[in-house]
Protein backbone atom coordinates (compact mmCIF):
# COMPACT_ATOMS: atom_id res chain seq x y z
CA MET A 1 0.00 0.00 0.00
CA ASN A 2 1.22 3.54 -0.65
CA ARG A 3 1.30 6.10 2.10
CA ILE A 4 -1.37 8.32 0.55
CA LYS A 5 -3.92 5.50 0.46
CA LEU A 6 -3.16 4.45 4.04
CA ILE A 7 -3.46 8.00 5.38
CA THR A 8 -6.66 8.80 3.48
CA ASN A 9 -8.22 5.55 4.71
CA HIS A 10 -7.64 6.85 8.25
CA VAL A 11 -9.15 10.18 7.28
CA ARG A 12 -12.36 8.56 6.02
CA ARG A 13 -12.74 6.63 9.29
CA THR A 14 -12.13 9.61 11.57
CA LYS A 15 -14.95 11.51 13.24
CA GLY A 16 -14.26 15.01 14.45
CA PRO A 17 -11.60 17.56 13.44
CA ILE A 18 -8.35 16.64 11.71
CA LEU A 19 -5.06 18.54 11.85
CA HIS A 20 -2.43 18.30 9.11
CA VAL A 21 0.98 19.49 10.30
CA GLY A 22 3.28 20.55 7.47
CA CYS A 23 0.36 20.82 5.07
CA ALA A 24 2.23 22.72 2.35
CA GLY A 25 4.81 20.01 1.87
CA ALA A 26 7.49 19.61 -0.78
CA ASP A 27 4.88 18.46 -3.31
CA SER A 28 2.51 21.39 -2.77
CA ILE A 29 1.53 21.93 -6.39
CA ARG A 30 -2.20 22.21 -6.95
CA GLY A 31 -3.35 19.19 -8.90
CA SER A 32 -0.20 17.16 -8.21
CA SER A 33 -0.91 13.50 -7.54
CA MET A 34 1.79 13.59 -4.86
CA TRP A 35 0.42 16.51 -2.80
CA LEU A 36 -0.74 14.88 0.42
CA HIS A 37 -2.96 17.68 1.71
CA GLY A 38 -5.09 17.65 -1.42
CA HIS A 39 -5.73 13.93 -0.93
CA VAL A 40 -6.51 14.45 2.77
CA VAL A 41 -9.08 17.17 2.11
CA ARG A 42 -10.77 15.18 -0.66
CA ALA A 43 -10.97 12.09 1.58
CA ALA A 44 -12.42 14.18 4.40
CA GLY A 45 -15.10 15.45 2.04
CA GLN A 46 -16.22 11.87 1.42
CA ARG A 47 -17.19 11.41 5.06
CA GLN A 48 -20.88 11.52 5.91
CA GLY A 49 -22.66 12.76 9.04
CA VAL A 50 -22.78 15.67 11.44
CA ASP A 51 -19.98 14.27 13.64
CA TYR A 52 -17.32 14.82 11.00
CA GLY A 53 -15.26 17.93 11.63
CA PRO A 54 -13.06 20.09 9.41
CA VAL A 55 -9.50 19.60 8.21
CA VAL A 56 -7.10 22.30 9.39
CA GLY A 57 -3.61 22.62 7.95
CA VAL A 58 -0.61 24.39 9.49
CA ASP A 59 2.81 25.12 8.04
CA LEU A 60 5.69 27.56 8.47
CA ASP A 61 5.92 28.39 4.75
CA GLN A 62 3.97 31.65 4.63
CA ASP A 63 3.98 31.98 0.84
CA ARG A 64 2.59 28.49 0.28
CA VAL A 65 0.02 28.90 3.05
CA LEU A 66 -1.23 32.11 1.44
CA GLU A 67 -1.43 30.30 -1.88
CA MET A 68 -3.43 27.49 -0.26
CA GLN A 69 -5.78 30.03 1.30
CA ARG A 70 -6.40 31.52 -2.16
CA TRP A 71 -7.31 28.01 -3.33
CA GLY A 72 -9.87 27.80 -0.52
CA TYR A 73 -8.03 25.52 1.93
CA ALA A 74 -8.25 26.06 5.71
CA ALA A 75 -4.53 26.62 6.23
CA GLU A 76 -2.58 28.93 8.49
CA VAL A 77 0.97 29.77 9.45
CA CYS A 78 1.87 28.15 12.76
CA ASP A 79 5.01 26.67 14.31
CA VAL A 80 4.35 23.10 15.42
CA MET A 81 5.84 23.94 18.81
CA ASP A 82 3.06 26.50 19.29
CA LEU A 83 0.16 24.11 18.65
CA ALA A 84 -0.99 24.08 22.29
CA ALA A 85 -1.26 27.87 22.37
CA ARG A 86 -3.01 28.10 19.01
CA PHE A 87 -5.47 25.24 19.48
CA SER A 88 -6.04 25.36 23.24
CA GLY A 89 -9.22 23.46 24.07
CA GLU A 90 -9.58 22.16 20.49
CA PRO A 91 -8.36 18.52 20.53
CA PHE A 92 -8.03 16.70 17.22
CA ASN A 93 -9.03 13.09 16.69
CA LEU A 94 -6.43 12.66 13.94
CA ILE A 95 -3.17 14.51 13.42
CA ILE A 96 -1.21 13.90 10.22
CA ALA A 97 2.50 14.71 9.96
CA GLY A 98 3.79 13.67 6.56
CA GLU A 99 7.54 13.86 5.89
CA ILE A 100 8.19 16.46 8.58
CA ILE A 101 9.58 14.80 11.72
CA GLU A 102 12.88 13.95 10.01
CA HIS A 103 13.48 17.71 9.59
CA ILE A 104 12.95 18.69 13.25
CA PRO A 105 15.92 18.78 15.66
CA ASP A 106 13.74 18.64 18.80
CA GLN A 107 12.13 15.28 18.14
CA ILE A 108 10.52 14.72 21.54
CA GLY A 109 9.40 18.35 21.67
CA PHE A 110 7.65 17.85 18.35
CA LEU A 111 5.84 14.75 19.59
CA ARG A 112 4.84 16.47 22.83
CA ALA A 113 3.47 19.41 20.88
CA CYS A 114 1.32 17.09 18.77
CA ARG A 115 0.22 15.15 21.86
CA SER A 116 -0.90 18.41 23.51
CA VAL A 117 -3.68 18.86 20.92
CA LEU A 118 -4.51 15.17 20.41
CA SER A 119 -7.77 13.86 21.87
CA PRO A 120 -7.52 11.01 24.42
CA GLU A 121 -8.51 8.44 21.79
CA GLY A 122 -6.83 10.22 18.90
CA ILE A 123 -4.12 8.99 16.54
CA LEU A 124 -0.99 10.76 15.36
CA LEU A 125 0.04 9.52 11.90
CA ILE A 126 3.71 10.10 11.07
CA SER A 127 5.02 9.36 7.59
CA THR A 128 8.79 9.35 7.21
CA PRO A 129 11.51 7.68 5.10
CA SER A 130 12.39 4.16 6.14
CA PRO A 131 16.08 3.59 6.93
CA PHE A 132 15.72 0.11 5.41
CA GLY A 133 14.27 1.18 2.05
CA VAL A 134 15.62 -0.67 -0.95
CA ALA A 135 16.76 2.55 -2.59
CA PHE A 136 18.73 3.66 0.48
CA VAL A 137 20.62 0.58 1.68
CA PRO A 138 22.26 -0.44 -1.65
CA TRP A 139 23.20 3.21 -2.21
CA TYR A 140 25.26 3.11 0.98
CA TRP A 141 26.78 -0.29 0.11
CA LEU A 142 27.86 0.95 -3.30
CA THR A 143 28.98 4.49 -2.47
CA ARG A 144 29.73 4.44 1.26
CA ARG A 145 27.64 7.59 1.41
CA GLU A 146 24.43 7.79 3.38
CA TYR A 147 21.39 8.96 1.44
CA VAL A 148 20.09 11.97 3.33
CA GLY A 149 17.32 14.26 2.17
CA ILE A 150 17.78 18.03 2.39
CA GLY A 151 17.42 19.09 6.01
CA HIS A 152 17.01 15.58 7.42
CA VAL A 153 18.36 15.11 10.95
CA LEU A 154 17.34 11.54 11.84
CA TRP A 155 16.29 8.17 10.43
CA HIS A 156 13.30 6.62 12.24
CA SER A 157 13.50 2.87 12.69
CA PRO A 158 10.67 1.26 14.70
CA ARG A 159 12.88 1.06 17.80
CA THR A 160 13.96 4.69 17.46
CA MET A 161 10.37 5.85 17.05
CA ALA A 162 9.24 3.78 20.05
CA THR A 163 11.95 5.38 22.20
CA LEU A 164 11.03 8.90 21.09
CA ALA A 165 7.32 8.22 21.59
CA GLU A 166 7.90 6.95 25.12
CA GLY A 167 9.79 10.14 25.96
CA ALA A 168 6.78 12.16 24.82
CA GLY A 169 4.20 10.13 26.73
CA MET A 170 3.08 8.22 23.66
CA ARG A 171 3.40 4.73 22.19
CA VAL A 172 3.66 3.23 18.73
CA ALA A 173 0.34 1.48 18.12
CA ALA A 174 1.26 0.28 14.62
CA ALA A 175 3.87 0.67 11.89
CA HIS A 176 3.20 0.25 8.17
CA SER A 177 5.79 -0.13 5.41
CA CYS A 178 4.57 1.81 2.37
CA THR A 179 5.55 3.09 -1.01
CA TYR A 180 5.78 6.89 -1.19
CA GLY A 181 3.13 7.81 -3.72
CA ALA A 182 0.67 6.63 -6.30
CA GLY A 183 2.49 7.83 -9.42
CA ALA A 184 3.80 5.47 -12.05
CA ARG A 185 7.57 4.95 -12.33
CA ARG A 186 9.69 4.90 -15.45
CA TRP A 187 10.66 1.53 -16.94
CA TRP A 188 14.22 1.69 -15.57
CA ALA A 189 12.83 1.75 -12.00
CA LEU A 190 11.20 -1.66 -12.45
CA PRO A 191 13.75 -3.41 -10.14
CA LEU A 192 12.80 -1.03 -7.33
CA THR A 193 9.11 -1.66 -7.91
CA LEU A 194 9.63 -5.41 -7.80
CA ALA A 195 11.80 -5.21 -4.66
CA GLU A 196 9.13 -3.16 -2.90
CA LEU A 197 6.68 -6.04 -3.20
CA TRP A 198 8.50 -7.14 -0.03
CA PRO A 199 7.14 -4.70 2.61
CA ALA A 200 10.39 -4.41 4.57
CA MET A 201 12.11 -2.89 1.52
CA ARG A 202 9.59 -0.11 0.91
CA PRO A 203 10.95 3.44 1.19
CA THR A 204 8.41 4.91 3.60
CA VAL A 205 7.07 3.94 6.99
CA VAL A 206 3.85 5.28 8.50
CA TYR A 207 3.67 5.14 12.29
CA GLU A 208 0.45 5.30 14.29
CA LEU A 209 1.10 6.90 17.67
CA ALA A 210 -1.39 7.02 20.53
CA ARG A 211 -1.34 8.69 23.92
CA ASN A 212 0.28 6.55 26.59
CA GLU A 213 -2.21 7.20 29.38
């Protein structure tokens, strides 16, 4: 399963408000098949009933947030560390953080900030590159250079994420190995596609974190 499908399945099942942290994202091009926030909002619109709340997006990129607002999205500029002050008394039943935690130096602070606005039964979904992805490990074997995305500060293996979660008063409820997106690859990437049929070799992992009450 790709990460977009897994996350939007959660969105469709969630009652109440949803928060998307880092909503602008690197793929924030309107109409792009890779732009996560667009998929999240469309999935939320497919929910039925009066118990289903809005989707709110926050990001530090002011220019992209303004652009999203012009498109009609409920987005605002907010530092993730300020979530408790901004959304005091407004707990979210689902918080989505796609490809953001690997950029944040204060890992436990980030998780605590998300926990502060998460409802008691809520879920924090974190999507991040897998350190065991088939495209990353052979690259290191062949080049002796670690593949690191721009601004990345940490790889998140299941054990690492469990340790960080515990420090923030949370726990890893589930971990899912996923492909990154739904787009088709070029023919020369066929070996990667075949290798990713084995879940452990997929390039992305989506963690479900819950409050550790």
